Every structure is written in structure tokens, then in C-alpha cells.
Amino acid sequence: MTDWTNLDYVVVDVEGNGQQPPDLVELAAVPIVGGVIGEPVSWLVRPDRPITPMARRIHGITNEAVADAPVFEDIKVDVLLALSHPALVAHNAHVDVDVLRRKLTGWECPEVFDTLKLSRRFVPNQMSHKLGSLVEAFKLAEGLSSGLRPHRATYDAVVTARLFQMLATTNSVPRSLDEIRDQPSGGGRDEAATLF
């Protein structure tokens, strides 16, 4: 039986401009290779349309902060390199995947593992399966640099990587790949489905 550590993953998080459809203003990617969380890479991106006040209140990224940032086309090759793993992990993954598909025309999304669905399956008694609630419940932010903050792509990607690692292991034993592969989560709408 193959356990989850036999597959390499990239954990992603995107922050958006609050427009519809949302455009990218920040992206982070964290590799997990052999079950070990690697170093994150991240990019600020100048979106085609301005960041809305509501999105700015959520993630704190201003239009001024991205005024000199590259447009997505300038970082596309680096992003594709960072995403070049056989599996992708994200919390409420369809949001991140939808943005990446819009930005990376022709990109073939690898197998996706959604920590929102996994948390509903493996820790069903949690009051909330929002990322912030799970980070608090399982102390997933302990030891992180004080410069990282919630709702920024690097912080969210790192804590999602830690959440995935925790959910993919039970009693210090890695779960099988079959056990963590996507299965019906028992209904209910995804929480926090809006990208800011």
C-alpha cells in the first residue's frame, strides 16, 4: 500500500483583487517532497484591474504595493516551474485552481487535494473548517516568522501545508494515498468560497 509521502505536492494559495472574476495580486507555492514541507516561494502581481477596498481590508495589499510588481505574464514561467509537481494542495481548492486556470491558459491541473474536504472527513467534529479556525485549533502557526500574517499567500500556503501534513497522518502513521484521495465530503457548501 502506497502512503501519501510517496507523492510530491505543491501547496498553493492565491490572494485576489476582489473583482469578478477575481484577478491575482499574490501567489505562494510551498513544495511537500517525501512528506517534508519545503521553502515557500511567492510573488506579488500587478492585476489588470484595481484591488477593491473590501479585498484590501482582508489581505492588506494595496494598489500602491503592487504598482511596481510584475504583471503575471512576467512571472508565468517561474510559476509553472513552482507548480510542476504531480499533485496540488489548497484549502477550498476550487477557488485557487479556478484563478490559476484563468491565468495559465493551457495549464493542466494535476491531481488536487483539498484540505477543506479532508478536514471535514478526518476531523468532522470541528466547529468550523475555515482555514483560520483549523490553524487556531491545531496550533499550525506556531514557530512561523512574525512577518507572516493570515490572509497573505505565504502564511496561508504554509499553514495549509502543515494542515495537509497533519490530516494525511494519523497516530504518527502516514495515511495511504487512497485514503486521502478526494471522496464525497458529505454535502454542504464550501466555506469562505469567495476569493479576495
C-alpha atoms as a PDB file:
ATOM      1  CA  MET A   1       0.000   0.000   0.000  1.00  0.00           C
ATOM      2  CA  THR A   2       1.418   3.396  -1.031  1.00  0.00           C
ATOM      3  CA  ASP A   3       1.302   6.135   1.595  1.00  0.00           C
ATOM      4  CA  TRP A   4       0.797   9.828   0.905  1.00  0.00           C
ATOM      5  CA  THR A   5       4.519  10.663   1.272  1.00  0.00           C
ATOM      6  CA  ASN A   6       5.290   8.771  -1.954  1.00  0.00           C
ATOM      7  CA  LEU A   7       3.717  11.577  -3.973  1.00  0.00           C
ATOM      8  CA  ASP A   8       5.169  15.096  -4.290  1.00  0.00           C
ATOM      9  CA  TYR A   9       2.845  18.057  -3.812  1.00  0.00           C
ATOM     10  CA  VAL A  10       2.754  21.814  -4.209  1.00  0.00           C
ATOM     11  CA  VAL A  11       0.564  23.741  -1.777  1.00  0.00           C
ATOM     12  CA  VAL A  12      -0.796  26.953  -3.264  1.00  0.00           C
ATOM     13  CA  ASP A  13      -2.627  29.998  -2.060  1.00  0.00           C
ATOM     14  CA  VAL A  14      -3.766  32.985  -4.078  1.00  0.00           C
ATOM     15  CA  GLU A  15      -4.954  36.405  -2.978  1.00  0.00           C
ATOM     16  CA  GLY A  16      -7.146  38.350  -5.348  1.00  0.00           C
ATOM     17  CA  ASN A  17      -8.178  41.865  -6.221  1.00  0.00           C
ATOM     18  CA  GLY A  18     -11.827  41.428  -5.179  1.00  0.00           C
ATOM     19  CA  GLN A  19     -13.132  41.925  -8.714  1.00  0.00           C
ATOM     20  CA  GLN A  20     -15.361  39.425 -10.512  1.00  0.00           C
ATOM     21  CA  PRO A  21     -13.870  37.272 -11.806  1.00  0.00           C
ATOM     22  CA  PRO A  22     -11.023  37.695  -9.335  1.00  0.00           C
ATOM     23  CA  ASP A  23      -7.570  38.507 -10.607  1.00  0.00           C
ATOM     24  CA  LEU A  24      -4.350  37.569  -8.896  1.00  0.00           C
ATOM     25  CA  VAL A  25      -2.439  40.012  -6.665  1.00  0.00           C
ATOM     26  CA  GLU A  26      -0.369  37.477  -4.700  1.00  0.00           C
ATOM     27  CA  LEU A  27       0.536  33.832  -5.153  1.00  0.00           C
ATOM     28  CA  ALA A  28       2.541  31.479  -2.940  1.00  0.00           C
ATOM     29  CA  ALA A  29       3.653  27.903  -3.522  1.00  0.00           C
ATOM     30  CA  VAL A  30       5.106  25.514  -0.942  1.00  0.00           C
ATOM     31  CA  PRO A  31       6.504  22.132  -2.014  1.00  0.00           C
ATOM     32  CA  ILE A  32       5.996  18.974   0.029  1.00  0.00           C
ATOM     33  CA  VAL A  33       8.505  16.338  -1.092  1.00  0.00           C
ATOM     34  CA  GLY A  34       8.820  12.989   0.663  1.00  0.00           C
ATOM     35  CA  GLY A  35       6.367  14.237   3.276  1.00  0.00           C
ATOM     36  CA  VAL A  36       8.627  17.190   4.179  1.00  0.00           C
ATOM     37  CA  ILE A  37       7.457  20.789   3.789  1.00  0.00           C
ATOM     38  CA  GLY A  38       9.918  22.855   1.767  1.00  0.00           C
ATOM     39  CA  GLU A  39      10.583  26.574   1.428  1.00  0.00           C
ATOM     40  CA  PRO A  40       7.801  28.775   0.084  1.00  0.00           C
ATOM     41  CA  VAL A  41       8.118  30.971  -2.985  1.00  0.00           C
ATOM     42  CA  SER A  42       5.776  33.886  -3.517  1.00  0.00           C
ATOM     43  CA  TRP A  43       5.045  36.699  -5.922  1.00  0.00           C
ATOM     44  CA  LEU A  44       3.184  39.984  -5.748  1.00  0.00           C
ATOM     45  CA  VAL A  45       1.429  40.608  -9.046  1.00  0.00           C
ATOM     46  CA  ARG A  46       0.058  43.789 -10.581  1.00  0.00           C
ATOM     47  CA  PRO A  47      -3.528  42.911 -11.562  1.00  0.00           C
ATOM     48  CA  ASP A  48      -5.305  44.183 -14.668  1.00  0.00           C
ATOM     49  CA  ARG A  49      -7.944  45.916 -12.524  1.00  0.00           C
ATOM     50  CA  PRO A  50      -7.521  47.678  -9.157  1.00  0.00           C
ATOM     51  CA  ILE A  51      -7.754  45.973  -5.772  1.00  0.00           C
ATOM     52  CA  THR A  52     -11.139  46.701  -4.216  1.00  0.00           C
ATOM     53  CA  PRO A  53     -11.408  48.256  -0.726  1.00  0.00           C
ATOM     54  CA  MET A  54     -13.033  45.066   0.580  1.00  0.00           C
ATOM     55  CA  ALA A  55     -10.180  42.865  -0.666  1.00  0.00           C
ATOM     56  CA  ARG A  56      -7.646  45.343   0.729  1.00  0.00           C
ATOM     57  CA  ARG A  57      -9.290  45.088   4.182  1.00  0.00           C
ATOM     58  CA  ILE A  58      -8.950  41.287   4.051  1.00  0.00           C
ATOM     59  CA  HIS A  59      -5.344  40.836   2.916  1.00  0.00           C
ATOM     60  CA  GLY A  60      -3.893  44.323   3.389  1.00  0.00           C
ATOM     61  CA  ILE A  61      -2.367  44.500  -0.098  1.00  0.00           C
ATOM     62  CA  THR A  62      -2.812  47.962  -1.590  1.00  0.00           C
ATOM     63  CA  ASN A  63      -2.765  49.137  -5.178  1.00  0.00           C
ATOM     64  CA  GLU A  64       0.377  51.101  -4.285  1.00  0.00           C
ATOM     65  CA  ALA A  65       2.065  47.898  -3.037  1.00  0.00           C
ATOM     66  CA  VAL A  66       1.584  46.220  -6.418  1.00  0.00           C
ATOM     67  CA  ALA A  67       2.150  49.285  -8.610  1.00  0.00           C
ATOM     68  CA  ASP A  68       5.737  48.220  -9.381  1.00  0.00           C
ATOM     69  CA  ALA A  69       5.077  44.465  -9.195  1.00  0.00           C
ATOM     70  CA  PRO A  70       5.383  42.399 -12.365  1.00  0.00           C
ATOM     71  CA  VAL A  71       2.328  41.523 -14.396  1.00  0.00           C
ATOM     72  CA  PHE A  72       1.513  37.817 -14.354  1.00  0.00           C
ATOM     73  CA  GLU A  73       2.960  37.218 -17.814  1.00  0.00           C
ATOM     74  CA  ASP A  74       6.404  38.238 -16.461  1.00  0.00           C
ATOM     75  CA  ILE A  75       6.398  35.531 -13.769  1.00  0.00           C
ATOM     76  CA  LYS A  76       4.471  32.849 -15.638  1.00  0.00           C
ATOM     77  CA  VAL A  77       7.498  30.620 -16.303  1.00  0.00           C
ATOM     78  CA  ASP A  78       8.562  30.741 -12.626  1.00  0.00           C
ATOM     79  CA  VAL A  79       5.013  29.956 -11.507  1.00  0.00           C
ATOM     80  CA  LEU A  80       4.782  26.977 -13.857  1.00  0.00           C
ATOM     81  CA  LEU A  81       8.094  25.701 -12.510  1.00  0.00           C
ATOM     82  CA  ALA A  82       6.846  26.039  -8.908  1.00  0.00           C
ATOM     83  CA  LEU A  83       3.636  24.201  -9.819  1.00  0.00           C
ATOM     84  CA  SER A  84       5.424  21.333 -11.571  1.00  0.00           C
ATOM     85  CA  HIS A  85       4.509  18.628  -9.055  1.00  0.00           C
ATOM     86  CA  PRO A  86       2.216  15.656  -9.585  1.00  0.00           C
ATOM     87  CA  ALA A  87      -0.303  16.944  -7.015  1.00  0.00           C
ATOM     88  CA  LEU A  88      -1.649  20.298  -5.878  1.00  0.00           C
ATOM     89  CA  VAL A  89      -2.970  21.083  -2.386  1.00  0.00           C
ATOM     90  CA  ALA A  90      -5.099  24.057  -1.378  1.00  0.00           C
ATOM     91  CA  HIS A  91      -7.792  24.958   1.138  1.00  0.00           C
ATOM     92  CA  ASN A  92     -11.118  25.306  -0.674  1.00  0.00           C
ATOM     93  CA  ALA A  93      -9.071  24.366  -3.709  1.00  0.00           C
ATOM     94  CA  HIS A  94     -11.543  25.187  -6.467  1.00  0.00           C
ATOM     95  CA  VAL A  95     -11.006  28.916  -5.797  1.00  0.00           C
ATOM     96  CA  ASP A  96      -7.225  28.737  -6.250  1.00  0.00           C
ATOM     97  CA  VAL A  97      -7.457  26.313  -9.167  1.00  0.00           C
ATOM     98  CA  ASP A  98     -10.003  28.497 -10.995  1.00  0.00           C
ATOM     99  CA  VAL A  99      -7.710  31.542 -10.748  1.00  0.00           C
ATOM    100  CA  LEU A 100      -4.668  29.546 -11.887  1.00  0.00           C
ATOM    101  CA  ARG A 101      -6.590  28.113 -14.849  1.00  0.00           C
ATOM    102  CA  ARG A 102      -7.622  31.600 -15.942  1.00  0.00           C
ATOM    103  CA  LYS A 103      -4.054  32.921 -15.668  1.00  0.00           C
ATOM    104  CA  LEU A 104      -2.280  29.855 -17.094  1.00  0.00           C
ATOM    105  CA  THR A 105      -4.071  29.178 -20.358  1.00  0.00           C
ATOM    106  CA  GLY A 106      -3.489  25.563 -21.350  1.00  0.00           C
ATOM    107  CA  TRP A 107      -2.162  24.568 -17.906  1.00  0.00           C
ATOM    108  CA  GLU A 108      -3.079  21.023 -16.998  1.00  0.00           C
ATOM    109  CA  CYS A 109      -4.005  20.987 -13.337  1.00  0.00           C
ATOM    110  CA  PRO A 110      -2.537  17.963 -11.559  1.00  0.00           C
ATOM    111  CA  GLU A 111      -4.413  15.840  -9.047  1.00  0.00           C
ATOM    112  CA  VAL A 112      -5.917  18.106  -6.383  1.00  0.00           C
ATOM    113  CA  PHE A 113      -6.128  17.529  -2.637  1.00  0.00           C
ATOM    114  CA  ASP A 114      -8.470  19.947  -0.868  1.00  0.00           C
ATOM    115  CA  THR A 115      -7.709  20.411   2.835  1.00  0.00           C
ATOM    116  CA  LEU A 116     -11.220  21.777   3.394  1.00  0.00           C
ATOM    117  CA  LYS A 117     -12.721  18.477   2.245  1.00  0.00           C
ATOM    118  CA  LEU A 118     -10.045  16.456   4.045  1.00  0.00           C
ATOM    119  CA  SER A 119     -10.683  18.278   7.318  1.00  0.00           C
ATOM    120  CA  ARG A 120     -14.415  17.621   7.041  1.00  0.00           C
ATOM    121  CA  ARG A 121     -13.650  13.943   6.538  1.00  0.00           C
ATOM    122  CA  PHE A 122     -10.860  13.390   9.064  1.00  0.00           C
ATOM    123  CA  VAL A 123     -11.754  15.885  11.826  1.00  0.00           C
ATOM    124  CA  PRO A 124     -15.542  16.107  11.409  1.00  0.00           C
ATOM    125  CA  ASN A 125     -16.214  17.346  14.945  1.00  0.00           C
ATOM    126  CA  GLN A 126     -14.557  20.723  14.369  1.00  0.00           C
ATOM    127  CA  MET A 127     -16.936  23.667  14.841  1.00  0.00           C
ATOM    128  CA  SER A 128     -15.579  25.246  11.648  1.00  0.00           C
ATOM    129  CA  HIS A 129     -13.437  24.038   8.795  1.00  0.00           C
ATOM    130  CA  LYS A 130     -12.339  27.526   7.759  1.00  0.00           C
ATOM    131  CA  LEU A 131      -8.573  27.728   7.489  1.00  0.00           C
ATOM    132  CA  GLY A 132      -8.214  30.255  10.327  1.00  0.00           C
ATOM    133  CA  SER A 133     -10.285  28.108  12.687  1.00  0.00           C
ATOM    134  CA  LEU A 134      -8.238  24.993  11.899  1.00  0.00           C
ATOM    135  CA  VAL A 135      -4.956  26.899  12.294  1.00  0.00           C
ATOM    136  CA  GLU A 136      -6.082  28.002  15.744  1.00  0.00           C
ATOM    137  CA  ALA A 137      -7.476  24.604  16.770  1.00  0.00           C
ATOM    138  CA  PHE A 138      -4.320  22.710  15.811  1.00  0.00           C
ATOM    139  CA  LYS A 139      -1.751  25.463  16.533  1.00  0.00           C
ATOM    140  CA  LEU A 140      -0.492  25.352  12.954  1.00  0.00           C
ATOM    141  CA  ALA A 141       1.066  28.829  13.052  1.00  0.00           C
ATOM    142  CA  GLU A 142       3.460  28.063  15.918  1.00  0.00           C
ATOM    143  CA  GLY A 143       7.043  28.975  15.104  1.00  0.00           C
ATOM    144  CA  LEU A 144       6.221  30.931  11.957  1.00  0.00           C
ATOM    145  CA  SER A 145       8.083  34.156  11.262  1.00  0.00           C
ATOM    146  CA  SER A 146       6.394  37.156  12.851  1.00  0.00           C
ATOM    147  CA  GLY A 147       6.456  38.791   9.414  1.00  0.00           C
ATOM    148  CA  LEU A 148       3.850  36.335   8.118  1.00  0.00           C
ATOM    149  CA  ARG A 149       0.199  37.123   8.658  1.00  0.00           C
ATOM    150  CA  PRO A 150      -3.155  35.463   7.892  1.00  0.00           C
ATOM    151  CA  HIS A 151      -4.770  36.203   4.521  1.00  0.00           C
ATOM    152  CA  ARG A 152      -1.403  36.688   2.885  1.00  0.00           C
ATOM    153  CA  ALA A 153      -0.447  33.999   0.386  1.00  0.00           C
ATOM    154  CA  THR A 154       2.758  32.755   2.039  1.00  0.00           C
ATOM    155  CA  TYR A 155       1.214  32.439   5.511  1.00  0.00           C
ATOM    156  CA  ASP A 156      -1.888  30.711   4.171  1.00  0.00           C
ATOM    157  CA  ALA A 157       0.132  28.329   1.970  1.00  0.00           C
ATOM    158  CA  VAL A 158       2.478  27.363   4.825  1.00  0.00           C
ATOM    159  CA  VAL A 159      -0.316  26.704   7.329  1.00  0.00           C
ATOM    160  CA  THR A 160      -2.243  24.794   4.649  1.00  0.00           C
ATOM    161  CA  ALA A 161       0.869  22.651   4.079  1.00  0.00           C
ATOM    162  CA  ARG A 162       1.033  21.968   7.822  1.00  0.00           C
ATOM    163  CA  LEU A 163      -2.694  21.183   7.882  1.00  0.00           C
ATOM    164  CA  PHE A 164      -2.340  18.779   4.963  1.00  0.00           C
ATOM    165  CA  GLN A 165       0.631  17.054   6.608  1.00  0.00           C
ATOM    166  CA  MET A 166      -1.370  16.692   9.838  1.00  0.00           C
ATOM    167  CA  LEU A 167      -4.515  15.408   8.105  1.00  0.00           C
ATOM    168  CA  ALA A 168      -2.522  12.956   5.979  1.00  0.00           C
ATOM    169  CA  THR A 169      -1.086  11.340   9.108  1.00  0.00           C
ATOM    170  CA  THR A 170      -2.942   9.525  11.852  1.00  0.00           C
ATOM    171  CA  ASN A 171      -1.344   8.418  15.128  1.00  0.00           C
ATOM    172  CA  SER A 172       2.068   9.280  13.615  1.00  0.00           C
ATOM    173  CA  VAL A 173       1.421   6.850  10.736  1.00  0.00           C
ATOM    174  CA  PRO A 174       1.074   8.176   7.178  1.00  0.00           C
ATOM    175  CA  ARG A 175      -2.339   7.543   5.660  1.00  0.00           C
ATOM    176  CA  SER A 176      -2.466   5.714   2.350  1.00  0.00           C
ATOM    177  CA  LEU A 177      -2.799   7.704  -0.850  1.00  0.00           C
ATOM    178  CA  ASP A 178      -6.134   6.002  -1.477  1.00  0.00           C
ATOM    179  CA  GLU A 179      -7.373   7.179   1.922  1.00  0.00           C
ATOM    180  CA  ILE A 180      -6.618  10.851   1.253  1.00  0.00           C
ATOM    181  CA  ARG A 181      -7.789  10.906  -2.351  1.00  0.00           C
ATOM    182  CA  ASP A 182     -10.883  13.020  -2.918  1.00  0.00           C
ATOM    183  CA  GLN A 183     -14.128  11.442  -1.829  1.00  0.00           C
ATOM    184  CA  PRO A 184     -17.564  12.974  -1.225  1.00  0.00           C
ATOM    185  CA  SER A 185     -17.374  15.187   1.876  1.00  0.00           C
ATOM    186  CA  GLY A 186     -20.939  14.575   2.985  1.00  0.00           C
ATOM    187  CA  GLY A 187     -22.545  17.645   1.452  1.00  0.00           C
ATOM    188  CA  GLY A 188     -22.619  21.274   2.481  1.00  0.00           C
ATOM    189  CA  ARG A 189     -21.272  24.285   0.638  1.00  0.00           C
ATOM    190  CA  ASP A 190     -17.605  25.127   0.823  1.00  0.00           C
ATOM    191  CA  GLU A 191     -16.911  27.724   3.484  1.00  0.00           C
ATOM    192  CA  ALA A 192     -15.317  31.032   2.551  1.00  0.00           C
ATOM    193  CA  ALA A 193     -15.705  30.314  -1.140  1.00  0.00           C
ATOM    194  CA  THR A 194     -15.001  33.919  -2.079  1.00  0.00           C
ATOM    195  CA  LEU A 195     -11.545  34.938  -3.205  1.00  0.00           C
ATOM    196  CA  PHE A 196     -10.391  38.345  -2.042  1.00  0.00           C
END
